[in-house]
Amino acid sequence: MDIQLNFINQSNDANNSQIVIFQKNVATGYYDDSAVAWKVIQQCGPGDNHPFVYPATMQVTTSDSFGNYEPRLDAQPGDAFQVALTGSDETLGKASAPANNPTEMQVLNNLPRDAINAHIYRDGMLLASRTSLAPGQMAAFKFKPTIWIGAVSQVVQGQVMNSAIVEQVNTEFSLLGIASADIVMTGGGPGENSTPLQFSLQNVVLA
């Protein structure tokens, strides 16, 4: 079920901060302190709001070293995919067996040669990537039903953030069982009385 979210700026922030929202890949044996900026909200001034959707279904695709992408396929936990040769063409498709971990989405490079990159999208925007998967290697993706949100600068939607930026973001919201909610930003402002920007989940409607 898709979750309807609405970012509301009730802060005193005059710096026009970028608001970044992302998820972390927590697949077994995978650790990377960087993450992809899934959604970046910009120029949303005090009093403004920015509605967006968090779909339950994701999509998977792969790309090669020439910048070519396979068509995206719907993906959910427990699904396994592989890239294999069909004639002379590389093709991404569902694997014959499900993922060996029911909480993960897995992508196997089954090509005789050539590395691939595996990508997960949510709401049409890049959520996570694994790059340079050699033949025989597998990418695993697992996401908790949570989002991270923070006020940052110099990030680009769909690109990997460096670990220093990710470490700045310390607000995590669970979306488990939620149908809709407001994400309200408060704080900020000029002078010595300014407070840090803070985020809270309000007007929560349960699924």
Foldseek 3Di string as FASTA:
>chain_A
DKAKEKEAEQAQAPPFFKKFKAFDFPPPPDDDLKWARADIDTPQDHGGMDIDMFDQWKWKWKAFPVGDIADIDIDAFFWEWEWEDDPNDTHIDTDPGTDPGRQKYKYAYQYPFGFMKMFMHTPNFTHGIDGGATHGGMDIGGTAQKMWMDGDPDHDTRDMDDSVRSVVTDDMDHCPQWRYWYWYWYFAHDDPPTDDIDIDTPPTDGD
